[in-house]
Amino acid sequence: MPHIVVKWYKGRTEEEKKEFAQKILEEATRITGRGAEHFSVAIEDYEPSEWMETVYKPEIMDKEETLYIKPGYGPLSEKE
């Protein structure tokens, strides 16, 4: 079933990560009507210096057709 992966800059506490994951889970179950047992949520931390090459290009630019919300920064924000 759904496995949700959040990728963001390093620097958040474990408590912040747990709270964020819990809120995602709550909304996912509310929207889909499925129980929490159907979901998993992972959080991956990245250094800001590695973001564009490690995440933006392979996960955002190269998979643009799967994006439902495009980022407001970087090359995709300049497209019309």
N, C-alpha and C. Protein backbone atom coordinates (compact mmCIF):
# COMPACT_ATOMS: atom_id res chain seq x y z
N MET A 1 0.83 -1.18 0.00
CA MET A 1 0.00 0.00 0.00
C MET A 1 0.88 1.24 0.00
N PRO A 2 0.35 2.41 0.22
CA PRO A 2 1.17 3.61 0.08
C PRO A 2 2.36 3.68 1.03
N HIS A 3 3.49 3.99 0.44
CA HIS A 3 4.71 4.29 1.20
C HIS A 3 5.05 5.73 0.84
N ILE A 4 4.99 6.62 1.80
CA ILE A 4 5.22 8.04 1.59
C ILE A 4 6.62 8.39 2.05
N VAL A 5 7.38 9.03 1.16
CA VAL A 5 8.76 9.41 1.48
C VAL A 5 8.88 10.93 1.44
N VAL A 6 9.38 11.49 2.52
CA VAL A 6 9.62 12.93 2.61
C VAL A 6 11.13 13.13 2.59
N LYS A 7 11.58 13.98 1.69
CA LYS A 7 13.00 14.31 1.59
C LYS A 7 13.14 15.79 1.89
N TRP A 8 14.03 16.12 2.82
CA TRP A 8 14.21 17.51 3.18
C TRP A 8 15.60 17.74 3.75
N TYR A 9 15.90 19.03 4.01
CA TYR A 9 17.21 19.37 4.56
C TYR A 9 17.37 18.84 5.97
N LYS A 10 18.58 18.46 6.30
CA LYS A 10 18.91 18.05 7.66
C LYS A 10 18.67 19.20 8.63
N GLY A 11 18.44 18.85 9.88
CA GLY A 11 18.36 19.87 10.90
C GLY A 11 17.13 19.79 11.80
N ARG A 12 16.18 18.96 11.46
CA ARG A 12 14.99 18.83 12.30
C ARG A 12 15.22 17.76 13.36
N THR A 13 14.56 17.93 14.48
CA THR A 13 14.71 16.97 15.58
C THR A 13 13.89 15.72 15.30
N GLU A 14 14.18 14.67 16.06
CA GLU A 14 13.41 13.43 15.93
C GLU A 14 11.94 13.69 16.27
N GLU A 15 11.70 14.53 17.26
CA GLU A 15 10.32 14.85 17.63
C GLU A 15 9.59 15.56 16.49
N GLU A 16 10.25 16.50 15.84
CA GLU A 16 9.64 17.18 14.69
C GLU A 16 9.34 16.20 13.56
N LYS A 17 10.26 15.29 13.32
CA LYS A 17 10.06 14.29 12.26
C LYS A 17 8.87 13.39 12.59
N LYS A 18 8.80 12.93 13.83
CA LYS A 18 7.70 12.06 14.24
C LYS A 18 6.36 12.78 14.14
N GLU A 19 6.32 14.03 14.55
CA GLU A 19 5.09 14.81 14.47
C GLU A 19 4.68 15.02 13.01
N PHE A 20 5.62 15.34 12.16
CA PHE A 20 5.34 15.55 10.73
C PHE A 20 4.81 14.26 10.11
N ALA A 21 5.48 13.14 10.39
CA ALA A 21 5.05 11.85 9.85
C ALA A 21 3.64 11.50 10.34
N GLN A 22 3.36 11.77 11.60
CA GLN A 22 2.03 11.49 12.15
C GLN A 22 0.96 12.33 11.46
N LYS A 23 1.24 13.60 11.22
CA LYS A 23 0.27 14.48 10.54
C LYS A 23 0.03 14.01 9.10
N ILE A 24 1.08 13.58 8.43
CA ILE A 24 0.91 13.04 7.08
C ILE A 24 0.03 11.80 7.12
N LEU A 25 0.29 10.93 8.07
CA LEU A 25 -0.51 9.71 8.22
C LEU A 25 -1.97 10.05 8.49
N GLU A 26 -2.22 10.98 9.38
CA GLU A 26 -3.60 11.37 9.69
C GLU A 26 -4.33 11.88 8.46
N GLU A 27 -3.69 12.73 7.68
CA GLU A 27 -4.33 13.26 6.48
C GLU A 27 -4.51 12.18 5.41
N ALA A 28 -3.52 11.32 5.26
CA ALA A 28 -3.62 10.25 4.27
C ALA A 28 -4.78 9.31 4.59
N THR A 29 -4.94 8.97 5.87
CA THR A 29 -6.05 8.09 6.23
C THR A 29 -7.38 8.80 6.08
N ARG A 30 -7.43 10.08 6.41
CA ARG A 30 -8.67 10.85 6.27
C ARG A 30 -9.09 10.94 4.80
N ILE A 31 -8.16 11.28 3.95
CA ILE A 31 -8.46 11.48 2.53
C ILE A 31 -8.83 10.17 1.84
N THR A 32 -8.11 9.10 2.15
CA THR A 32 -8.33 7.83 1.45
C THR A 32 -9.39 6.94 2.08
N GLY A 33 -9.66 7.17 3.35
CA GLY A 33 -10.59 6.30 4.05
C GLY A 33 -9.99 4.95 4.42
N ARG A 34 -8.69 4.82 4.27
CA ARG A 34 -7.98 3.58 4.62
C ARG A 34 -7.40 3.69 6.02
N GLY A 35 -7.22 2.55 6.67
CA GLY A 35 -6.64 2.54 8.00
C GLY A 35 -5.15 2.81 7.99
N ALA A 36 -4.65 3.25 9.14
CA ALA A 36 -3.23 3.57 9.28
C ALA A 36 -2.33 2.38 8.97
N GLU A 37 -2.84 1.18 9.16
CA GLU A 37 -2.02 -0.01 8.91
C GLU A 37 -1.65 -0.19 7.44
N HIS A 38 -2.29 0.56 6.58
CA HIS A 38 -2.01 0.47 5.14
C HIS A 38 -0.88 1.39 4.70
N PHE A 39 -0.37 2.24 5.59
CA PHE A 39 0.61 3.25 5.22
C PHE A 39 1.93 3.06 5.95
N SER A 40 2.98 3.54 5.30
CA SER A 40 4.27 3.73 5.96
C SER A 40 4.79 5.10 5.53
N VAL A 41 5.54 5.73 6.42
CA VAL A 41 6.08 7.07 6.15
C VAL A 41 7.56 7.06 6.51
N ALA A 42 8.39 7.50 5.57
CA ALA A 42 9.83 7.61 5.80
C ALA A 42 10.25 9.06 5.62
N ILE A 43 11.29 9.43 6.35
CA ILE A 43 11.85 10.78 6.20
C ILE A 43 13.35 10.62 5.96
N GLU A 44 13.80 11.26 4.87
CA GLU A 44 15.22 11.21 4.50
C GLU A 44 15.80 12.62 4.59
N ASP A 45 16.90 12.75 5.31
CA ASP A 45 17.57 14.03 5.49
C ASP A 45 18.70 14.20 4.48
N TYR A 46 18.83 15.43 3.96
CA TYR A 46 19.89 15.74 3.01
C TYR A 46 20.57 17.04 3.38
N GLU A 47 21.84 17.13 3.09
CA GLU A 47 22.58 18.38 3.24
C GLU A 47 22.10 19.32 2.14
N PRO A 48 21.95 20.61 2.43
CA PRO A 48 21.54 21.55 1.39
C PRO A 48 22.46 21.52 0.17
N SER A 49 23.74 21.30 0.39
CA SER A 49 24.70 21.29 -0.72
C SER A 49 24.50 20.11 -1.68
N GLU A 50 23.85 19.05 -1.23
CA GLU A 50 23.64 17.88 -2.09
C GLU A 50 22.22 17.81 -2.67
N TRP A 51 21.36 18.73 -2.29
CA TRP A 51 19.94 18.68 -2.68
C TRP A 51 19.72 18.65 -4.18
N MET A 52 20.29 19.59 -4.90
CA MET A 52 20.00 19.71 -6.33
C MET A 52 20.42 18.45 -7.10
N GLU A 53 21.59 17.93 -6.81
CA GLU A 53 22.09 16.78 -7.56
C GLU A 53 21.49 15.46 -7.07
N THR A 54 21.28 15.34 -5.77
CA THR A 54 20.82 14.07 -5.20
C THR A 54 19.31 13.92 -5.21
N VAL A 55 18.58 15.01 -5.05
CA VAL A 55 17.12 14.93 -4.98
C VAL A 55 16.45 15.65 -6.15
N TYR A 56 16.76 16.92 -6.35
CA TYR A 56 16.03 17.72 -7.34
C TYR A 56 16.09 17.12 -8.74
N LYS A 57 17.29 16.84 -9.22
CA LYS A 57 17.39 16.33 -10.58
C LYS A 57 16.76 14.95 -10.74
N PRO A 58 17.18 13.93 -9.97
CA PRO A 58 16.62 12.60 -10.21
C PRO A 58 15.18 12.40 -9.74
N GLU A 59 14.79 13.07 -8.67
CA GLU A 59 13.47 12.82 -8.08
C GLU A 59 12.40 13.82 -8.51
N ILE A 60 12.81 15.01 -8.93
CA ILE A 60 11.84 16.04 -9.29
C ILE A 60 11.90 16.32 -10.79
N MET A 61 13.05 16.76 -11.30
CA MET A 61 13.15 17.09 -12.72
C MET A 61 12.94 15.87 -13.61
N ASP A 62 13.61 14.76 -13.28
CA ASP A 62 13.54 13.58 -14.14
C ASP A 62 12.22 12.82 -14.02
N LYS A 63 11.38 13.21 -13.06
CA LYS A 63 10.07 12.57 -12.88
C LYS A 63 8.96 13.61 -12.91
N GLU A 64 9.17 14.64 -13.71
CA GLU A 64 8.22 15.75 -13.77
C GLU A 64 6.81 15.28 -14.10
N GLU A 65 6.69 14.23 -14.88
CA GLU A 65 5.35 13.75 -15.26
C GLU A 65 4.56 13.19 -14.08
N THR A 66 5.24 12.90 -12.99
CA THR A 66 4.53 12.37 -11.82
C THR A 66 4.25 13.44 -10.77
N LEU A 67 4.72 14.67 -10.99
CA LEU A 67 4.52 15.75 -10.02
C LEU A 67 3.09 16.27 -10.07
N TYR A 68 2.48 16.39 -8.94
CA TYR A 68 1.16 17.02 -8.84
C TYR A 68 1.30 18.46 -8.40
N ILE A 69 2.39 18.77 -7.73
CA ILE A 69 2.72 20.14 -7.35
C ILE A 69 4.20 20.33 -7.66
N LYS A 70 4.49 21.30 -8.53
CA LYS A 70 5.88 21.57 -8.88
C LYS A 70 6.49 22.52 -7.87
N PRO A 71 7.81 22.43 -7.68
CA PRO A 71 8.47 23.31 -6.72
C PRO A 71 8.49 24.75 -7.21
N GLY A 72 8.52 25.66 -6.29
CA GLY A 72 8.58 27.08 -6.61
C GLY A 72 10.01 27.59 -6.68
N TYR A 73 10.97 26.69 -6.86
CA TYR A 73 12.38 27.05 -6.96
C TYR A 73 13.01 26.16 -8.02
N GLY A 74 14.16 26.55 -8.48
CA GLY A 74 14.91 25.74 -9.44
C GLY A 74 14.34 25.80 -10.85
N PRO A 75 14.88 25.00 -11.75
CA PRO A 75 14.51 25.05 -13.15
C PRO A 75 13.01 24.86 -13.44
N LEU A 76 12.34 24.03 -12.70
CA LEU A 76 10.91 23.80 -12.98
C LEU A 76 10.05 24.99 -12.65
N SER A 77 10.50 25.86 -11.75
CA SER A 77 9.70 27.03 -11.40
C SER A 77 9.71 28.05 -12.52
N GLU A 78 10.68 27.94 -13.41
CA GLU A 78 10.80 28.90 -14.51
C GLU A 78 9.99 28.49 -15.73
N LYS A 79 9.48 27.26 -15.76
CA LYS A 79 8.68 26.80 -16.89
C LYS A 79 7.28 27.39 -16.84
N GLU A 80 6.71 27.60 -17.99
CA GLU A 80 5.34 28.09 -18.05
C GLU A 80 4.42 27.02 -18.55
